[in-house]
Amino acid sequence: MTTAELHRRILEATDHRAHILRTVPIQTLWSGYGEIFRCELTGGKSVVVKHIQLPDESHHPRGWDTLIGHQRKLKSYQVEMNWYQGLARLTDEYSRVPQWIDGWQGEREMLLILEDLNASGYPSRPTDLTQDQIKSCLSWLAHFHARYLQSDPAGLWEIGSYWHLDTRPDEWQAMTNQALQSAAKDIDTRLNQAQYQTLVHGDAKLANFCFSENGPEVAAVDFQYIGRGCGMKDVAYFLSSCLSEQACASHETELLNHYFDTLTSACRRYDVRINIPSLVGEWRVLYKYAWADFYRFLDGWSPGHYKMNSYSQRLTNEVLDELKHEV
């Protein structure tokens, strides 16, 4: 697609009477699969455009350029479009996401045109969070999980999260922790067969949250790996993205209590007809299993990664000990 054609499609989706003043790059997509940019229009309007262009050759920063990885990325973009066109409409102010404007799909290109969250009051991207900001993100996750409890993931990933075991056979094969490698399927099964399932964001890292400038409000972006799962996968992954190992250990109880208190109130707000104490009890136990599941991925994908720290290792070892005693 030429630049002129791209601009024409954007204007057709937004305001054919407007003109594009400029486009501002936001980021390139992983492994060279396109870019995200802000498009500023006359009249003070702006939108965010995710332009996926399939490369002739991908360039993964850690060398994972495989057919499996390519197919996983292709599906992830389709999943994201399905999400915005469908179930995203059920979100509200407690789990704010960009509004869908339009999309287009060709043979080797896709276009997602979305609300510009910067213009809607979420312009801040802090890299060092206060405790209140961390709790705001956990509140977002709690409301999101409550909203989609027991939802059908049709059109999304059957199992959400970008590190899901079945989509990462190469990384599993490359693992050096043999005990964890052997237990990987049991950990995966424990999470997937939990009684209470929701939709998980699947990539709920700090970089995918947008903050209001002078308040605690947050919104989330990047839904390529949304699908069915235990909400603890999002919680563990989020905490890994914004806290040191010492902070994870010292604030674990406080932050998990905040998440579960909010989850409880959100279930009541949405009139979710389930046994809430049973949900909370099950997911509290699965918190360490979510950490162990992510640790498994890191062990094969990037041995020695900084998130493979004493905190995550301790939780993983607890899980391995539990599974060993169950045999």
C-alpha atoms as a PDB file:
ATOM      1  CA  MET A   1       0.000   0.000   0.000  1.00  0.00           C
ATOM      2  CA  THR A   2       1.401   3.371  -0.963  1.00  0.00           C
ATOM      3  CA  THR A   3       1.437   6.283   1.468  1.00  0.00           C
ATOM      4  CA  ALA A   4      -1.307   7.974  -0.561  1.00  0.00           C
ATOM      5  CA  GLU A   5      -3.513   4.882  -0.341  1.00  0.00           C
ATOM      6  CA  LEU A   6      -2.850   4.584   3.366  1.00  0.00           C
ATOM      7  CA  HIS A   7      -3.839   8.210   3.957  1.00  0.00           C
ATOM      8  CA  ARG A   8      -6.953   7.785   1.826  1.00  0.00           C
ATOM      9  CA  ARG A   9      -8.136   4.837   3.913  1.00  0.00           C
ATOM     10  CA  ILE A  10      -7.504   6.747   7.141  1.00  0.00           C
ATOM     11  CA  LEU A  11      -9.535   9.722   5.944  1.00  0.00           C
ATOM     12  CA  GLU A  12     -12.342   7.500   4.698  1.00  0.00           C
ATOM     13  CA  ALA A  13     -12.549   5.960   8.153  1.00  0.00           C
ATOM     14  CA  THR A  14     -12.375   9.243  10.059  1.00  0.00           C
ATOM     15  CA  ASP A  15     -13.404  12.371   8.166  1.00  0.00           C
ATOM     16  CA  HIS A  16     -13.183  12.575   4.384  1.00  0.00           C
ATOM     17  CA  ARG A  17     -13.389  16.375   4.609  1.00  0.00           C
ATOM     18  CA  ALA A  18     -10.265  16.583   6.760  1.00  0.00           C
ATOM     19  CA  HIS A  19      -6.619  16.625   5.749  1.00  0.00           C
ATOM     20  CA  ILE A  20      -3.708  14.829   7.329  1.00  0.00           C
ATOM     21  CA  LEU A  21      -1.346  17.355   8.870  1.00  0.00           C
ATOM     22  CA  ARG A  22       1.362  14.905   9.851  1.00  0.00           C
ATOM     23  CA  THR A  23       2.057  11.386  11.072  1.00  0.00           C
ATOM     24  CA  VAL A  24       4.147  10.803  14.185  1.00  0.00           C
ATOM     25  CA  PRO A  25       5.842   7.417  14.749  1.00  0.00           C
ATOM     26  CA  ILE A  26       5.025   5.717  18.044  1.00  0.00           C
ATOM     27  CA  GLN A  27       6.865   2.425  17.666  1.00  0.00           C
ATOM     28  CA  THR A  28       7.792  -0.290  15.208  1.00  0.00           C
ATOM     29  CA  LEU A  29       6.123  -3.676  15.591  1.00  0.00           C
ATOM     30  CA  TRP A  30       8.062  -6.660  16.917  1.00  0.00           C
ATOM     31  CA  SER A  31      10.447  -8.281  14.418  1.00  0.00           C
ATOM     32  CA  GLY A  32       9.771  -5.712  11.694  1.00  0.00           C
ATOM     33  CA  TYR A  33       6.085  -6.438  11.078  1.00  0.00           C
ATOM     34  CA  GLY A  34       5.039  -2.813  10.602  1.00  0.00           C
ATOM     35  CA  GLU A  35       4.541   0.233  12.785  1.00  0.00           C
ATOM     36  CA  ILE A  36       2.195   2.178  15.012  1.00  0.00           C
ATOM     37  CA  PHE A  37       1.848   5.902  14.410  1.00  0.00           C
ATOM     38  CA  ARG A  38      -0.305   8.846  15.404  1.00  0.00           C
ATOM     39  CA  CYS A  39      -2.120  10.594  12.590  1.00  0.00           C
ATOM     40  CA  GLU A  40      -2.967  14.261  13.211  1.00  0.00           C
ATOM     41  CA  LEU A  41      -5.849  15.683  11.189  1.00  0.00           C
ATOM     42  CA  THR A  42      -7.183  19.151  10.570  1.00  0.00           C
ATOM     43  CA  GLY A  43      -9.783  20.267  13.090  1.00  0.00           C
ATOM     44  CA  GLY A  44      -7.736  19.123  16.059  1.00  0.00           C
ATOM     45  CA  LYS A  45      -8.496  15.437  15.544  1.00  0.00           C
ATOM     46  CA  SER A  46      -6.057  12.577  15.821  1.00  0.00           C
ATOM     47  CA  VAL A  47      -6.151   8.786  15.613  1.00  0.00           C
ATOM     48  CA  VAL A  48      -3.675   5.989  16.247  1.00  0.00           C
ATOM     49  CA  VAL A  49      -2.977   3.641  13.371  1.00  0.00           C
ATOM     50  CA  LYS A  50      -1.511   0.157  13.650  1.00  0.00           C
ATOM     51  CA  HIS A  51      -0.210  -0.753  10.208  1.00  0.00           C
ATOM     52  CA  ILE A  52       0.844  -4.396   9.893  1.00  0.00           C
ATOM     53  CA  GLN A  53       3.015  -5.219   6.893  1.00  0.00           C
ATOM     54  CA  LEU A  54       4.268  -8.768   6.581  1.00  0.00           C
ATOM     55  CA  PRO A  55       8.011  -8.710   5.956  1.00  0.00           C
ATOM     56  CA  ASP A  56       9.836 -10.868   3.440  1.00  0.00           C
ATOM     57  CA  GLU A  57      12.122 -11.814   6.320  1.00  0.00           C
ATOM     58  CA  SER A  58      11.507 -11.184  10.001  1.00  0.00           C
ATOM     59  CA  HIS A  59      14.282 -10.047  12.314  1.00  0.00           C
ATOM     60  CA  HIS A  60      13.653 -11.195  15.859  1.00  0.00           C
ATOM     61  CA  PRO A  61      15.931  -9.383  18.341  1.00  0.00           C
ATOM     62  CA  ARG A  62      16.720 -12.667  20.129  1.00  0.00           C
ATOM     63  CA  GLY A  63      17.015 -14.823  17.021  1.00  0.00           C
ATOM     64  CA  TRP A  64      13.660 -16.630  17.219  1.00  0.00           C
ATOM     65  CA  ASP A  65      12.886 -16.332  13.489  1.00  0.00           C
ATOM     66  CA  THR A  66      10.866 -19.477  12.871  1.00  0.00           C
ATOM     67  CA  LEU A  67       7.762 -20.461  10.924  1.00  0.00           C
ATOM     68  CA  ILE A  68       6.002 -21.129  14.231  1.00  0.00           C
ATOM     69  CA  GLY A  69       6.832 -17.606  15.394  1.00  0.00           C
ATOM     70  CA  HIS A  70       5.655 -16.131  12.098  1.00  0.00           C
ATOM     71  CA  GLN A  71       2.310 -17.958  12.248  1.00  0.00           C
ATOM     72  CA  ARG A  72       1.867 -16.939  15.892  1.00  0.00           C
ATOM     73  CA  LYS A  73       2.327 -13.274  14.989  1.00  0.00           C
ATOM     74  CA  LEU A  74      -0.081 -13.518  12.044  1.00  0.00           C
ATOM     75  CA  LYS A  75      -2.764 -14.992  14.263  1.00  0.00           C
ATOM     76  CA  SER A  76      -2.113 -12.382  16.953  1.00  0.00           C
ATOM     77  CA  TYR A  77      -2.960  -9.521  14.593  1.00  0.00           C
ATOM     78  CA  GLN A  78      -6.159 -11.229  13.481  1.00  0.00           C
ATOM     79  CA  VAL A  79      -7.076 -11.866  17.117  1.00  0.00           C
ATOM     80  CA  GLU A  80      -6.558  -8.209  17.950  1.00  0.00           C
ATOM     81  CA  MET A  81      -8.815  -7.102  15.107  1.00  0.00           C
ATOM     82  CA  ASN A  82     -11.477  -9.617  16.187  1.00  0.00           C
ATOM     83  CA  TRP A  83     -11.258  -8.314  19.746  1.00  0.00           C
ATOM     84  CA  TYR A  84     -11.720  -4.667  18.834  1.00  0.00           C
ATOM     85  CA  GLN A  85     -14.574  -5.454  16.470  1.00  0.00           C
ATOM     86  CA  GLY A  86     -16.366  -7.644  19.011  1.00  0.00           C
ATOM     87  CA  LEU A  87     -16.009  -8.106  22.758  1.00  0.00           C
ATOM     88  CA  ALA A  88     -14.103  -4.851  23.330  1.00  0.00           C
ATOM     89  CA  ARG A  89     -17.449  -3.056  23.293  1.00  0.00           C
ATOM     90  CA  LEU A  90     -18.198  -4.531  26.741  1.00  0.00           C
ATOM     91  CA  THR A  91     -15.404  -2.589  28.432  1.00  0.00           C
ATOM     92  CA  ASP A  92     -16.274   0.499  30.441  1.00  0.00           C
ATOM     93  CA  GLU A  93     -14.587   3.299  32.365  1.00  0.00           C
ATOM     94  CA  TYR A  94     -13.148   0.795  34.843  1.00  0.00           C
ATOM     95  CA  SER A  95     -11.301  -1.123  32.130  1.00  0.00           C
ATOM     96  CA  ARG A  96     -10.760   1.553  29.521  1.00  0.00           C
ATOM     97  CA  VAL A  97      -9.442   0.603  26.068  1.00  0.00           C
ATOM     98  CA  PRO A  98      -9.149   2.614  22.855  1.00  0.00           C
ATOM     99  CA  GLN A  99     -12.351   2.723  20.862  1.00  0.00           C
ATOM    100  CA  TRP A 100     -12.418   0.932  17.527  1.00  0.00           C
ATOM    101  CA  ILE A 101     -12.809   3.244  14.524  1.00  0.00           C
ATOM    102  CA  ASP A 102     -12.154   1.068  11.492  1.00  0.00           C
ATOM    103  CA  GLY A 103      -9.952  -1.624  10.036  1.00  0.00           C
ATOM    104  CA  TRP A 104      -8.858  -3.062   6.728  1.00  0.00           C
ATOM    105  CA  GLN A 105      -7.271  -6.330   5.721  1.00  0.00           C
ATOM    106  CA  GLY A 106      -5.385  -7.196   2.539  1.00  0.00           C
ATOM    107  CA  GLU A 107      -3.239 -10.099   1.448  1.00  0.00           C
ATOM    108  CA  ARG A 108      -0.070  -8.960   3.244  1.00  0.00           C
ATOM    109  CA  GLU A 109      -1.278  -5.925   5.183  1.00  0.00           C
ATOM    110  CA  MET A 110      -3.688  -5.039   7.954  1.00  0.00           C
ATOM    111  CA  LEU A 111      -4.802  -1.673   9.250  1.00  0.00           C
ATOM    112  CA  LEU A 112      -6.297  -0.937  12.662  1.00  0.00           C
ATOM    113  CA  ILE A 113      -7.526   2.624  13.224  1.00  0.00           C
ATOM    114  CA  LEU A 114      -8.147   3.403  16.880  1.00  0.00           C
ATOM    115  CA  GLU A 115      -8.999   6.215  19.253  1.00  0.00           C
ATOM    116  CA  ASP A 116      -5.985   8.281  20.276  1.00  0.00           C
ATOM    117  CA  LEU A 117      -5.818   7.777  24.049  1.00  0.00           C
ATOM    118  CA  ASN A 118      -3.430  10.717  24.414  1.00  0.00           C
ATOM    119  CA  ALA A 119      -6.129  13.035  23.118  1.00  0.00           C
ATOM    120  CA  SER A 120      -8.721  11.346  25.350  1.00  0.00           C
ATOM    121  CA  GLY A 121      -6.903  12.113  28.586  1.00  0.00           C
ATOM    122  CA  TYR A 122      -4.310   9.343  28.909  1.00  0.00           C
ATOM    123  CA  PRO A 123      -1.069  10.965  27.699  1.00  0.00           C
ATOM    124  CA  SER A 124       1.340   9.760  30.389  1.00  0.00           C
ATOM    125  CA  ARG A 125       3.687   6.762  30.037  1.00  0.00           C
ATOM    126  CA  PRO A 126       5.628   6.571  33.323  1.00  0.00           C
ATOM    127  CA  THR A 127       8.385   4.011  33.672  1.00  0.00           C
ATOM    128  CA  ASP A 128       8.630   4.202  37.462  1.00  0.00           C
ATOM    129  CA  LEU A 129       5.252   3.793  39.154  1.00  0.00           C
ATOM    130  CA  THR A 130       3.982   4.961  42.509  1.00  0.00           C
ATOM    131  CA  GLN A 131       2.137   2.450  44.668  1.00  0.00           C
ATOM    132  CA  ASP A 132      -1.147   4.141  43.746  1.00  0.00           C
ATOM    133  CA  GLN A 133      -0.404   3.791  40.032  1.00  0.00           C
ATOM    134  CA  ILE A 134       0.409   0.111  40.466  1.00  0.00           C
ATOM    135  CA  LYS A 135      -2.893  -0.342  42.249  1.00  0.00           C
ATOM    136  CA  SER A 136      -4.697   1.513  39.451  1.00  0.00           C
ATOM    137  CA  CYS A 137      -3.373  -1.014  36.942  1.00  0.00           C
ATOM    138  CA  LEU A 138      -4.346  -3.896  39.199  1.00  0.00           C
ATOM    139  CA  SER A 139      -7.820  -2.357  39.504  1.00  0.00           C
ATOM    140  CA  TRP A 140      -8.018  -2.210  35.704  1.00  0.00           C
ATOM    141  CA  LEU A 141      -7.087  -5.895  35.522  1.00  0.00           C
ATOM    142  CA  ALA A 142      -9.570  -6.831  38.257  1.00  0.00           C
ATOM    143  CA  HIS A 143     -12.467  -5.107  36.480  1.00  0.00           C
ATOM    144  CA  PHE A 144     -11.410  -6.542  33.127  1.00  0.00           C
ATOM    145  CA  HIS A 145     -11.256 -10.063  34.543  1.00  0.00           C
ATOM    146  CA  ALA A 146     -14.590  -9.689  36.339  1.00  0.00           C
ATOM    147  CA  ARG A 147     -16.241  -8.367  33.182  1.00  0.00           C
ATOM    148  CA  TYR A 148     -15.187 -11.365  31.110  1.00  0.00           C
ATOM    149  CA  LEU A 149     -15.466 -14.211  33.625  1.00  0.00           C
ATOM    150  CA  GLN A 150     -16.517 -17.428  31.874  1.00  0.00           C
ATOM    151  CA  SER A 151     -16.627 -15.649  28.481  1.00  0.00           C
ATOM    152  CA  ASP A 152     -16.420 -17.559  25.210  1.00  0.00           C
ATOM    153  CA  PRO A 153     -13.045 -16.773  23.558  1.00  0.00           C
ATOM    154  CA  ALA A 154     -14.390 -17.337  20.027  1.00  0.00           C
ATOM    155  CA  GLY A 155     -12.204 -15.445  17.554  1.00  0.00           C
ATOM    156  CA  LEU A 156      -9.511 -14.916  20.193  1.00  0.00           C
ATOM    157  CA  TRP A 157      -6.762 -17.203  21.485  1.00  0.00           C
ATOM    158  CA  GLU A 158      -8.190 -20.377  22.974  1.00  0.00           C
ATOM    159  CA  ILE A 159      -5.529 -19.929  25.665  1.00  0.00           C
ATOM    160  CA  GLY A 160      -4.390 -16.327  26.177  1.00  0.00           C
ATOM    161  CA  SER A 161      -0.863 -14.941  26.828  1.00  0.00           C
ATOM    162  CA  TYR A 162       2.037 -14.645  24.443  1.00  0.00           C
ATOM    163  CA  TRP A 163       4.113 -17.256  26.321  1.00  0.00           C
ATOM    164  CA  HIS A 164       1.464 -20.035  26.261  1.00  0.00           C
ATOM    165  CA  LEU A 165       3.225 -23.414  26.233  1.00  0.00           C
ATOM    166  CA  ASP A 166       1.555 -24.864  23.137  1.00  0.00           C
ATOM    167  CA  THR A 167       2.687 -21.883  21.050  1.00  0.00           C
ATOM    168  CA  ARG A 168       6.284 -22.049  22.315  1.00  0.00           C
ATOM    169  CA  PRO A 169       7.633 -25.532  21.516  1.00  0.00           C
ATOM    170  CA  ASP A 170      11.034 -24.229  20.416  1.00  0.00           C
ATOM    171  CA  GLU A 171      11.521 -22.319  23.653  1.00  0.00           C
ATOM    172  CA  TRP A 172      10.430 -25.372  25.669  1.00  0.00           C
ATOM    173  CA  GLN A 173      12.947 -27.519  23.808  1.00  0.00           C
ATOM    174  CA  ALA A 174      15.721 -25.009  24.592  1.00  0.00           C
ATOM    175  CA  MET A 175      15.131 -25.017  28.366  1.00  0.00           C
ATOM    176  CA  THR A 176      18.043 -25.751  30.687  1.00  0.00           C
ATOM    177  CA  ASN A 177      16.004 -26.256  33.880  1.00  0.00           C
ATOM    178  CA  GLN A 178      15.104 -29.912  33.376  1.00  0.00           C
ATOM    179  CA  ALA A 179      12.847 -30.171  36.407  1.00  0.00           C
ATOM    180  CA  LEU A 180      10.791 -27.211  35.227  1.00  0.00           C
ATOM    181  CA  GLN A 181      10.822 -28.504  31.661  1.00  0.00           C
ATOM    182  CA  SER A 182       9.354 -31.800  32.860  1.00  0.00           C
ATOM    183  CA  ALA A 183       6.715 -30.016  34.938  1.00  0.00           C
ATOM    184  CA  ALA A 184       5.786 -27.463  32.255  1.00  0.00           C
ATOM    185  CA  LYS A 185       2.723 -29.354  31.021  1.00  0.00           C
ATOM    186  CA  ASP A 186       1.428 -29.935  34.554  1.00  0.00           C
ATOM    187  CA  ILE A 187       1.761 -26.215  35.345  1.00  0.00           C
ATOM    188  CA  ASP A 188       0.049 -25.303  32.083  1.00  0.00           C
ATOM    189  CA  THR A 189      -2.758 -27.780  32.769  1.00  0.00           C
ATOM    190  CA  ARG A 190      -3.276 -26.491  36.301  1.00  0.00           C
ATOM    191  CA  LEU A 191      -3.823 -22.969  34.956  1.00  0.00           C
ATOM    192  CA  ASN A 192      -5.937 -24.026  31.967  1.00  0.00           C
ATOM    193  CA  GLN A 193      -8.194 -26.331  33.956  1.00  0.00           C
ATOM    194  CA  ALA A 194      -8.926 -23.885  36.745  1.00  0.00           C
ATOM    195  CA  GLN A 195     -12.633 -23.774  37.474  1.00  0.00           C
ATOM    196  CA  TYR A 196     -12.774 -20.021  36.966  1.00  0.00           C
ATOM    197  CA  GLN A 197     -11.590 -18.695  33.632  1.00  0.00           C
ATOM    198  CA  THR A 198     -11.797 -15.220  32.156  1.00  0.00           C
ATOM    199  CA  LEU A 199     -10.258 -13.342  29.271  1.00  0.00           C
ATOM    200  CA  VAL A 200      -6.673 -12.364  29.995  1.00  0.00           C
ATOM    201  CA  HIS A 201      -5.024  -9.401  28.308  1.00  0.00           C
ATOM    202  CA  GLY A 202      -2.077 -11.649  27.556  1.00  0.00           C
ATOM    203  CA  ASP A 203       0.633  -8.978  27.476  1.00  0.00           C
ATOM    204  CA  ALA A 204      -0.247  -6.823  30.482  1.00  0.00           C
ATOM    205  CA  LYS A 205       3.144  -5.190  30.944  1.00  0.00           C
ATOM    206  CA  LEU A 206       3.641  -1.634  32.149  1.00  0.00           C
ATOM    207  CA  ALA A 207       4.405  -0.405  28.619  1.00  0.00           C
ATOM    208  CA  ASN A 208       0.864  -1.326  27.547  1.00  0.00           C
ATOM    209  CA  PHE A 209      -0.830   0.937  30.113  1.00  0.00           C
ATOM    210  CA  CYS A 210      -1.580   4.607  29.455  1.00  0.00           C
ATOM    211  CA  PHE A 211      -2.061   6.931  32.412  1.00  0.00           C
ATOM    212  CA  SER A 212      -3.991  10.135  32.944  1.00  0.00           C
ATOM    213  CA  GLU A 213      -1.765  13.155  33.520  1.00  0.00           C
ATOM    214  CA  ASN A 214      -2.859  14.180  37.010  1.00  0.00           C
ATOM    215  CA  GLY A 215      -4.830  11.248  38.294  1.00  0.00           C
ATOM    216  CA  PRO A 216      -4.945   7.516  38.846  1.00  0.00           C
ATOM    217  CA  GLU A 217      -6.957   6.613  35.731  1.00  0.00           C
ATOM    218  CA  VAL A 218      -5.454   4.089  33.308  1.00  0.00           C
ATOM    219  CA  ALA A 219      -6.293   2.546  29.959  1.00  0.00           C
ATOM    220  CA  ALA A 220      -4.697  -0.450  28.241  1.00  0.00           C
ATOM    221  CA  VAL A 221      -3.594  -1.187  24.680  1.00  0.00           C
ATOM    222  CA  ASP A 222      -2.140  -4.065  22.617  1.00  0.00           C
ATOM    223  CA  PHE A 223      -4.561  -6.990  22.615  1.00  0.00           C
ATOM    224  CA  GLN A 224      -2.721  -9.347  20.276  1.00  0.00           C
ATOM    225  CA  TYR A 225      -2.632 -12.149  22.846  1.00  0.00           C
ATOM    226  CA  ILE A 226      -6.030 -11.837  24.481  1.00  0.00           C
ATOM    227  CA  GLY A 227      -7.748 -15.132  25.185  1.00  0.00           C
ATOM    228  CA  ARG A 228      -9.108 -17.499  27.782  1.00  0.00           C
ATOM    229  CA  GLY A 229      -7.118 -17.938  30.978  1.00  0.00           C
ATOM    230  CA  CYS A 230      -6.641 -17.559  34.698  1.00  0.00           C
ATOM    231  CA  GLY A 231      -6.424 -13.887  35.672  1.00  0.00           C
ATOM    232  CA  MET A 232      -3.254 -14.532  37.666  1.00  0.00           C
ATOM    233  CA  LYS A 233      -1.301 -14.729  34.419  1.00  0.00           C
ATOM    234  CA  ASP A 234      -1.930 -11.023  33.853  1.00  0.00           C
ATOM    235  CA  VAL A 235      -1.302 -10.098  37.488  1.00  0.00           C
ATOM    236  CA  ALA A 236       2.013 -11.931  37.774  1.00  0.00           C
ATOM    237  CA  TYR A 237       3.244 -10.632  34.436  1.00  0.00           C
ATOM    238  CA  PHE A 238       2.260  -7.049  35.239  1.00  0.00           C
ATOM    239  CA  LEU A 239       4.044  -7.107  38.596  1.00  0.00           C
ATOM    240  CA  SER A 240       7.129  -8.573  36.906  1.00  0.00           C
ATOM    241  CA  SER A 241       7.165  -5.589  34.551  1.00  0.00           C
ATOM    242  CA  CYS A 242       7.126  -2.815  37.146  1.00  0.00           C
ATOM    243  CA  LEU A 243       8.610  -4.112  40.405  1.00  0.00           C
ATOM    244  CA  SER A 244      12.039  -5.293  41.459  1.00  0.00           C
ATOM    245  CA  GLU A 245      12.410  -8.699  43.061  1.00  0.00           C
ATOM    246  CA  GLN A 246      12.659  -7.023  46.486  1.00  0.00           C
ATOM    247  CA  ALA A 247       9.517  -4.965  45.879  1.00  0.00           C
ATOM    248  CA  CYS A 248       7.616  -8.022  44.623  1.00  0.00           C
ATOM    249  CA  ALA A 249       8.441  -9.848  47.832  1.00  0.00           C
ATOM    250  CA  SER A 250       7.752  -6.988  50.230  1.00  0.00           C
ATOM    251  CA  HIS A 251       4.516  -5.777  48.587  1.00  0.00           C
ATOM    252  CA  GLU A 252       3.054  -9.106  47.434  1.00  0.00           C
ATOM    253  CA  THR A 253       0.410  -9.395  50.157  1.00  0.00           C
ATOM    254  CA  GLU A 254      -0.705  -5.757  49.929  1.00  0.00           C
ATOM    255  CA  LEU A 255      -0.987  -5.766  46.141  1.00  0.00           C
ATOM    256  CA  LEU A 256      -2.712  -9.127  45.869  1.00  0.00           C
ATOM    257  CA  ASN A 257      -5.190  -8.078  48.548  1.00  0.00           C
ATOM    258  CA  HIS A 258      -5.926  -4.928  46.569  1.00  0.00           C
ATOM    259  CA  TYR A 259      -6.462  -6.905  43.375  1.00  0.00           C
ATOM    260  CA  PHE A 260      -8.772  -9.451  45.030  1.00  0.00           C
ATOM    261  CA  ASP A 261     -10.726  -6.818  46.960  1.00  0.00           C
ATOM    262  CA  THR A 262     -11.304  -4.982  43.675  1.00  0.00           C
ATOM    263  CA  LEU A 263     -12.142  -8.211  41.850  1.00  0.00           C
ATOM    264  CA  THR A 264     -14.750  -8.971  44.511  1.00  0.00           C
ATOM    265  CA  SER A 265     -16.401  -5.547  44.217  1.00  0.00           C
ATOM    266  CA  ALA A 266     -16.217  -5.691  40.408  1.00  0.00           C
ATOM    267  CA  CYS A 267     -17.973  -9.073  40.333  1.00  0.00           C
ATOM    268  CA  ARG A 268     -20.764  -7.538  42.385  1.00  0.00           C
ATOM    269  CA  ARG A 269     -20.874  -4.449  40.178  1.00  0.00           C
ATOM    270  CA  TYR A 270     -21.320  -6.616  37.071  1.00  0.00           C
ATOM    271  CA  ASP A 271     -23.674  -9.020  38.867  1.00  0.00           C
ATOM    272  CA  VAL A 272     -21.463 -12.008  38.099  1.00  0.00           C
ATOM    273  CA  ARG A 273     -23.308 -15.113  39.287  1.00  0.00           C
ATOM    274  CA  ILE A 274     -20.475 -17.164  40.726  1.00  0.00           C
ATOM    275  CA  ASN A 275     -19.138 -18.119  44.139  1.00  0.00           C
ATOM    276  CA  ILE A 276     -16.782 -15.177  44.637  1.00  0.00           C
ATOM    277  CA  PRO A 277     -14.921 -16.570  47.697  1.00  0.00           C
ATOM    278  CA  SER A 278     -14.302 -19.762  45.704  1.00  0.00           C
ATOM    279  CA  LEU A 279     -12.905 -17.732  42.797  1.00  0.00           C
ATOM    280  CA  VAL A 280     -10.599 -15.743  45.068  1.00  0.00           C
ATOM    281  CA  GLY A 281      -9.419 -18.856  46.873  1.00  0.00           C
ATOM    282  CA  GLU A 282      -8.605 -20.689  43.650  1.00  0.00           C
ATOM    283  CA  TRP A 283      -6.766 -17.791  42.030  1.00  0.00           C
ATOM    284  CA  ARG A 284      -4.715 -16.989  45.136  1.00  0.00           C
ATOM    285  CA  VAL A 285      -3.283 -20.507  44.964  1.00  0.00           C
ATOM    286  CA  LEU A 286      -2.610 -20.143  41.227  1.00  0.00           C
ATOM    287  CA  TYR A 287      -0.611 -16.918  41.578  1.00  0.00           C
ATOM    288  CA  LYS A 288       2.648 -18.816  41.993  1.00  0.00           C
ATOM    289  CA  TYR A 289       1.690 -21.165  39.151  1.00  0.00           C
ATOM    290  CA  ALA A 290       1.357 -18.155  36.853  1.00  0.00           C
ATOM    291  CA  TRP A 291       4.836 -17.025  37.881  1.00  0.00           C
ATOM    292  CA  ALA A 292       6.233 -20.522  37.299  1.00  0.00           C
ATOM    293  CA  ASP A 293       4.593 -20.654  33.875  1.00  0.00           C
ATOM    294  CA  PHE A 294       6.233 -17.379  32.848  1.00  0.00           C
ATOM    295  CA  TYR A 295       9.554 -18.460  34.387  1.00  0.00           C
ATOM    296  CA  ARG A 296       9.358 -21.576  32.187  1.00  0.00           C
ATOM    297  CA  PHE A 297       9.077 -19.409  29.094  1.00  0.00           C
ATOM    298  CA  LEU A 298      12.020 -17.216  30.116  1.00  0.00           C
ATOM    299  CA  ASP A 299      14.229 -20.226  30.795  1.00  0.00           C
ATOM    300  CA  GLY A 300      13.963 -21.274  27.161  1.00  0.00           C
ATOM    301  CA  TRP A 301      13.584 -17.875  25.498  1.00  0.00           C
ATOM    302  CA  SER A 302      16.207 -15.831  27.336  1.00  0.00           C
ATOM    303  CA  PRO A 303      18.202 -17.733  29.979  1.00  0.00           C
ATOM    304  CA  GLY A 304      19.545 -15.368  32.624  1.00  0.00           C
ATOM    305  CA  HIS A 305      16.813 -12.774  31.998  1.00  0.00           C
ATOM    306  CA  TYR A 306      16.587 -10.275  34.869  1.00  0.00           C
ATOM    307  CA  LYS A 307      13.078 -11.486  35.720  1.00  0.00           C
ATOM    308  CA  MET A 308      14.545 -14.885  36.589  1.00  0.00           C
ATOM    309  CA  ASN A 309      15.347 -13.503  40.012  1.00  0.00           C
ATOM    310  CA  SER A 310      15.236 -14.880  43.534  1.00  0.00           C
ATOM    311  CA  TYR A 311      11.531 -13.997  43.931  1.00  0.00           C
ATOM    312  CA  SER A 312      10.313 -15.707  40.766  1.00  0.00           C
ATOM    313  CA  GLN A 313      12.681 -18.612  41.353  1.00  0.00           C
ATOM    314  CA  ARG A 314      11.339 -19.111  44.887  1.00  0.00           C
ATOM    315  CA  LEU A 315       7.732 -19.234  43.671  1.00  0.00           C
ATOM    316  CA  THR A 316       8.691 -21.594  40.862  1.00  0.00           C
ATOM    317  CA  ASN A 317      10.457 -23.918  43.284  1.00  0.00           C
ATOM    318  CA  GLU A 318       7.388 -23.917  45.541  1.00  0.00           C
ATOM    319  CA  VAL A 319       5.295 -25.040  42.580  1.00  0.00           C
ATOM    320  CA  LEU A 320       7.783 -27.760  41.639  1.00  0.00           C
ATOM    321  CA  ASP A 321       7.784 -29.036  45.234  1.00  0.00           C
ATOM    322  CA  GLU A 322       3.984 -29.132  45.312  1.00  0.00           C
ATOM    323  CA  LEU A 323       3.782 -31.033  42.044  1.00  0.00           C
ATOM    324  CA  LYS A 324       6.466 -33.472  43.181  1.00  0.00           C
ATOM    325  CA  HIS A 325       4.542 -34.302  46.351  1.00  0.00           C
ATOM    326  CA  GLU A 326       1.335 -34.852  44.397  1.00  0.00           C
ATOM    327  CA  VAL A 327       2.856 -37.624  42.296  1.00  0.00           C
END
